[in-house]
Amino acid sequence: MNWTLVAAVLLSTAGLLLLGVLGARLWLDAARLARAVDGASRALAEAAEEIPVRG
């Protein structure tokens, strides 16, 4: 068997696995960021309700 072909297949498989892991980490980070933004916007909305309105 041609070892160059085996090495190319192994390297491409390792690259795809790495891309999968990085994609999963990116998804988790985006979900965590979305929760943080949601919490911050809720806190701002609650704080805005406490501001007296002159009119």
PDB file of N, CA and C in Angstrom:
ATOM      1  N   MET A   1       0.848  -1.183   0.000  1.00  0.00           N
ATOM      2  CA  MET A   1       0.000   0.000   0.000  1.00  0.00           C
ATOM      3  C   MET A   1       0.895   1.248   0.000  1.00  0.00           C
ATOM      4  N   ASN A   2       0.453   2.243  -0.673  1.00  0.00           N
ATOM      5  CA  ASN A   2       1.224   3.470  -0.792  1.00  0.00           C
ATOM      6  C   ASN A   2       1.111   4.267   0.513  1.00  0.00           C
ATOM      7  N   TRP A   3       2.240   4.462   1.198  1.00  0.00           N
ATOM      8  CA  TRP A   3       2.234   5.126   2.508  1.00  0.00           C
ATOM      9  C   TRP A   3       1.896   6.604   2.399  1.00  0.00           C
ATOM     10  N   THR A   4       2.151   7.195   1.254  1.00  0.00           N
ATOM     11  CA  THR A   4       1.788   8.595   1.062  1.00  0.00           C
ATOM     12  C   THR A   4       0.275   8.751   1.082  1.00  0.00           C
ATOM     13  N   LEU A   5      -0.419   7.795   0.443  1.00  0.00           N
ATOM     14  CA  LEU A   5      -1.875   7.832   0.432  1.00  0.00           C
ATOM     15  C   LEU A   5      -2.431   7.611   1.836  1.00  0.00           C
ATOM     16  N   VAL A   6      -1.856   6.689   2.575  1.00  0.00           N
ATOM     17  CA  VAL A   6      -2.306   6.424   3.947  1.00  0.00           C
ATOM     18  C   VAL A   6      -2.085   7.661   4.814  1.00  0.00           C
ATOM     19  N   ALA A   7      -0.950   8.293   4.673  1.00  0.00           N
ATOM     20  CA  ALA A   7      -0.658   9.494   5.464  1.00  0.00           C
ATOM     21  C   ALA A   7      -1.631  10.611   5.108  1.00  0.00           C
ATOM     22  N   ALA A   8      -1.950  10.761   3.828  1.00  0.00           N
ATOM     23  CA  ALA A   8      -2.889  11.806   3.419  1.00  0.00           C
ATOM     24  C   ALA A   8      -4.276  11.547   3.995  1.00  0.00           C
ATOM     25  N   VAL A   9      -4.714  10.304   3.980  1.00  0.00           N
ATOM     26  CA  VAL A   9      -6.029   9.970   4.535  1.00  0.00           C
ATOM     27  C   VAL A   9      -6.045  10.197   6.040  1.00  0.00           C
ATOM     28  N   LEU A  10      -4.996   9.807   6.733  1.00  0.00           N
ATOM     29  CA  LEU A  10      -4.934  10.003   8.181  1.00  0.00           C
ATOM     30  C   LEU A  10      -4.898  11.490   8.542  1.00  0.00           C
ATOM     31  N   LEU A  11      -4.132  12.266   7.798  1.00  0.00           N
ATOM     32  CA  LEU A  11      -4.066  13.699   8.081  1.00  0.00           C
ATOM     33  C   LEU A  11      -5.399  14.384   7.797  1.00  0.00           C
ATOM     34  N   SER A  12      -6.062  14.002   6.727  1.00  0.00           N
ATOM     35  CA  SER A  12      -7.358  14.623   6.435  1.00  0.00           C
ATOM     36  C   SER A  12      -8.393  14.212   7.471  1.00  0.00           C
ATOM     37  N   THR A  13      -8.343  12.963   7.938  1.00  0.00           N
ATOM     38  CA  THR A  13      -9.262  12.523   8.989  1.00  0.00           C
ATOM     39  C   THR A  13      -9.006  13.289  10.283  1.00  0.00           C
ATOM     40  N   ALA A  14      -7.738  13.455  10.632  1.00  0.00           N
ATOM     41  CA  ALA A  14      -7.401  14.215  11.835  1.00  0.00           C
ATOM     42  C   ALA A  14      -7.850  15.666  11.692  1.00  0.00           C
ATOM     43  N   GLY A  15      -7.702  16.230  10.511  1.00  0.00           N
ATOM     44  CA  GLY A  15      -8.152  17.601  10.283  1.00  0.00           C
ATOM     45  C   GLY A  15      -9.654  17.741  10.431  1.00  0.00           C
ATOM     46  N   LEU A  16     -10.405  16.780   9.902  1.00  0.00           N
ATOM     47  CA  LEU A  16     -11.869  16.827  10.042  1.00  0.00           C
ATOM     48  C   LEU A  16     -12.295  16.664  11.495  1.00  0.00           C
ATOM     49  N   LEU A  17     -11.611  15.788  12.229  1.00  0.00           N
ATOM     50  CA  LEU A  17     -11.919  15.634  13.659  1.00  0.00           C
ATOM     51  C   LEU A  17     -11.633  16.932  14.414  1.00  0.00           C
ATOM     52  N   LEU A  18     -10.526  17.566  14.088  1.00  0.00           N
ATOM     53  CA  LEU A  18     -10.182  18.827  14.735  1.00  0.00           C
ATOM     54  C   LEU A  18     -11.228  19.898  14.416  1.00  0.00           C
ATOM     55  N   LEU A  19     -11.659  19.967  13.160  1.00  0.00           N
ATOM     56  CA  LEU A  19     -12.698  20.934  12.798  1.00  0.00           C
ATOM     57  C   LEU A  19     -13.998  20.652  13.548  1.00  0.00           C
ATOM     58  N   GLY A  20     -14.327  19.387  13.747  1.00  0.00           N
ATOM     59  CA  GLY A  20     -15.522  19.038  14.505  1.00  0.00           C
ATOM     60  C   GLY A  20     -15.424  19.490  15.952  1.00  0.00           C
ATOM     61  N   VAL A  21     -14.276  19.273  16.565  1.00  0.00           N
ATOM     62  CA  VAL A  21     -14.072  19.688  17.956  1.00  0.00           C
ATOM     63  C   VAL A  21     -14.138  21.202  18.071  1.00  0.00           C
ATOM     64  N   LEU A  22     -13.490  21.903  17.150  1.00  0.00           N
ATOM     65  CA  LEU A  22     -13.519  23.363  17.197  1.00  0.00           C
ATOM     66  C   LEU A  22     -14.928  23.894  16.936  1.00  0.00           C
ATOM     67  N   GLY A  23     -15.675  23.240  16.060  1.00  0.00           N
ATOM     68  CA  GLY A  23     -17.055  23.645  15.815  1.00  0.00           C
ATOM     69  C   GLY A  23     -17.922  23.468  17.051  1.00  0.00           C
ATOM     70  N   ALA A  24     -17.717  22.363  17.765  1.00  0.00           N
ATOM     71  CA  ALA A  24     -18.481  22.134  18.999  1.00  0.00           C
ATOM     72  C   ALA A  24     -18.134  23.177  20.054  1.00  0.00           C
ATOM     73  N   ARG A  25     -16.851  23.513  20.180  1.00  0.00           N
ATOM     74  CA  ARG A  25     -16.453  24.552  21.139  1.00  0.00           C
ATOM     75  C   ARG A  25     -17.043  25.900  20.779  1.00  0.00           C
ATOM     76  N   LEU A  26     -17.057  26.206  19.480  1.00  0.00           N
ATOM     77  CA  LEU A  26     -17.636  27.466  19.027  1.00  0.00           C
ATOM     78  C   LEU A  26     -19.122  27.520  19.349  1.00  0.00           C
ATOM     79  N   TRP A  27     -19.823  26.408  19.146  1.00  0.00           N
ATOM     80  CA  TRP A  27     -21.253  26.357  19.444  1.00  0.00           C
ATOM     81  C   TRP A  27     -21.492  26.559  20.940  1.00  0.00           C
ATOM     82  N   LEU A  28     -20.689  25.927  21.759  1.00  0.00           N
ATOM     83  CA  LEU A  28     -20.842  26.080  23.212  1.00  0.00           C
ATOM     84  C   LEU A  28     -20.547  27.513  23.651  1.00  0.00           C
ATOM     85  N   ASP A  29     -19.506  28.115  23.090  1.00  0.00           N
ATOM     86  CA  ASP A  29     -19.176  29.506  23.433  1.00  0.00           C
ATOM     87  C   ASP A  29     -20.280  30.462  22.985  1.00  0.00           C
ATOM     88  N   ALA A  30     -20.851  30.204  21.812  1.00  0.00           N
ATOM     89  CA  ALA A  30     -21.942  31.059  21.323  1.00  0.00           C
ATOM     90  C   ALA A  30     -23.177  30.913  22.201  1.00  0.00           C
ATOM     91  N   ALA A  31     -23.464  29.703  22.651  1.00  0.00           N
ATOM     92  CA  ALA A  31     -24.611  29.495  23.542  1.00  0.00           C
ATOM     93  C   ALA A  31     -24.383  30.190  24.883  1.00  0.00           C
ATOM     94  N   ARG A  32     -23.159  30.107  25.400  1.00  0.00           N
ATOM     95  CA  ARG A  32     -22.835  30.767  26.664  1.00  0.00           C
ATOM     96  C   ARG A  32     -22.942  32.293  26.518  1.00  0.00           C
ATOM     97  N   LEU A  33     -22.467  32.823  25.404  1.00  0.00           N
ATOM     98  CA  LEU A  33     -22.562  34.258  25.147  1.00  0.00           C
ATOM     99  C   LEU A  33     -24.016  34.695  25.019  1.00  0.00           C
ATOM    100  N   ALA A  34     -24.832  33.884  24.366  1.00  0.00           N
ATOM    101  CA  ALA A  34     -26.247  34.223  24.222  1.00  0.00           C
ATOM    102  C   ALA A  34     -26.935  34.270  25.587  1.00  0.00           C
ATOM    103  N   ARG A  35     -26.594  33.334  26.462  1.00  0.00           N
ATOM    104  CA  ARG A  35     -27.184  33.361  27.818  1.00  0.00           C
ATOM    105  C   ARG A  35     -26.733  34.608  28.573  1.00  0.00           C
ATOM    106  N   ALA A  36     -25.477  34.993  28.427  1.00  0.00           N
ATOM    107  CA  ALA A  36     -24.965  36.181  29.113  1.00  0.00           C
ATOM    108  C   ALA A  36     -25.646  37.443  28.586  1.00  0.00           C
ATOM    109  N   VAL A  37     -25.808  37.530  27.277  1.00  0.00           N
ATOM    110  CA  VAL A  37     -26.470  38.697  26.690  1.00  0.00           C
ATOM    111  C   VAL A  37     -27.928  38.742  27.125  1.00  0.00           C
ATOM    112  N   ASP A  38     -28.581  37.595  27.187  1.00  0.00           N
ATOM    113  CA  ASP A  38     -29.974  37.546  27.632  1.00  0.00           C
ATOM    114  C   ASP A  38     -30.096  38.031  29.077  1.00  0.00           C
ATOM    115  N   GLY A  39     -29.190  37.564  29.935  1.00  0.00           N
ATOM    116  CA  GLY A  39     -29.222  38.005  31.329  1.00  0.00           C
ATOM    117  C   GLY A  39     -28.968  39.493  31.466  1.00  0.00           C
ATOM    118  N   ALA A  40     -28.026  40.013  30.691  1.00  0.00           N
ATOM    119  CA  ALA A  40     -27.725  41.440  30.762  1.00  0.00           C
ATOM    120  C   ALA A  40     -28.892  42.274  30.255  1.00  0.00           C
ATOM    121  N   SER A  41     -29.541  41.829  29.183  1.00  0.00           N
ATOM    122  CA  SER A  41     -30.665  42.608  28.660  1.00  0.00           C
ATOM    123  C   SER A  41     -31.855  42.569  29.616  1.00  0.00           C
ATOM    124  N   ARG A  42     -32.045  41.443  30.284  1.00  0.00           N
ATOM    125  CA  ARG A  42     -33.119  41.379  31.283  1.00  0.00           C
ATOM    126  C   ARG A  42     -32.822  42.307  32.458  1.00  0.00           C
ATOM    127  N   ALA A  43     -31.564  42.358  32.893  1.00  0.00           N
ATOM    128  CA  ALA A  43     -31.188  43.240  33.988  1.00  0.00           C
ATOM    129  C   ALA A  43     -31.369  44.701  33.594  1.00  0.00           C
ATOM    130  N   LEU A  44     -31.019  45.032  32.354  1.00  0.00           N
ATOM    131  CA  LEU A  44     -31.224  46.406  31.890  1.00  0.00           C
ATOM    132  C   LEU A  44     -32.706  46.754  31.812  1.00  0.00           C
ATOM    133  N   ALA A  45     -33.527  45.825  31.384  1.00  0.00           N
ATOM    134  CA  ALA A  45     -34.955  46.074  31.295  1.00  0.00           C
ATOM    135  C   ALA A  45     -35.559  46.290  32.680  1.00  0.00           C
ATOM    136  N   GLU A  46     -35.118  45.483  33.643  1.00  0.00           N
ATOM    137  CA  GLU A  46     -35.607  45.668  35.026  1.00  0.00           C
ATOM    138  C   GLU A  46     -35.145  47.000  35.600  1.00  0.00           C
ATOM    139  N   ALA A  47     -33.902  47.388  35.312  1.00  0.00           N
ATOM    140  CA  ALA A  47     -33.399  48.664  35.805  1.00  0.00           C
ATOM    141  C   ALA A  47     -34.135  49.832  35.144  1.00  0.00           C
ATOM    142  N   ALA A  48     -34.491  49.680  33.893  1.00  0.00           N
ATOM    143  CA  ALA A  48     -35.216  50.744  33.195  1.00  0.00           C
ATOM    144  C   ALA A  48     -36.600  50.940  33.762  1.00  0.00           C
ATOM    145  N   GLU A  49     -37.194  49.867  34.276  1.00  0.00           N
ATOM    146  CA  GLU A  49     -38.526  50.001  34.876  1.00  0.00           C
ATOM    147  C   GLU A  49     -38.492  50.815  36.160  1.00  0.00           C
ATOM    148  N   GLU A  50     -37.355  50.852  36.826  1.00  0.00           N
ATOM    149  CA  GLU A  50     -37.239  51.561  38.087  1.00  0.00           C
ATOM    150  C   GLU A  50     -36.954  53.049  37.916  1.00  0.00           C
ATOM    151  N   ILE A  51     -36.648  53.479  36.707  1.00  0.00           N
ATOM    152  CA  ILE A  51     -36.352  54.892  36.451  1.00  0.00           C
ATOM    153  C   ILE A  51     -37.684  55.668  36.435  1.00  0.00           C
ATOM    154  N   PRO A  52     -37.784  56.713  37.261  1.00  0.00           N
ATOM    155  CA  PRO A  52     -39.027  57.482  37.267  1.00  0.00           C
ATOM    156  C   PRO A  52     -39.180  58.263  35.962  1.00  0.00           C
ATOM    157  N   VAL A  53     -40.406  58.340  35.496  1.00  0.00           N
ATOM    158  CA  VAL A  53     -40.694  59.030  34.236  1.00  0.00           C
ATOM    159  C   VAL A  53     -41.364  60.358  34.576  1.00  0.00           C
ATOM    160  N   ARG A  54     -40.817  61.446  34.054  1.00  0.00           N
ATOM    161  CA  ARG A  54     -41.418  62.769  34.252  1.00  0.00           C
ATOM    162  C   ARG A  54     -42.296  63.084  33.072  1.00  0.00           C
ATOM    163  N   GLY A  55     -43.446  63.598  33.348  1.00  0.00           N
ATOM    164  CA  GLY A  55     -44.272  63.890  32.200  1.00  0.00           C
ATOM    165  C   GLY A  55     -45.434  64.728  32.455  1.00  0.00           C
TER     166      GLY A  55
END
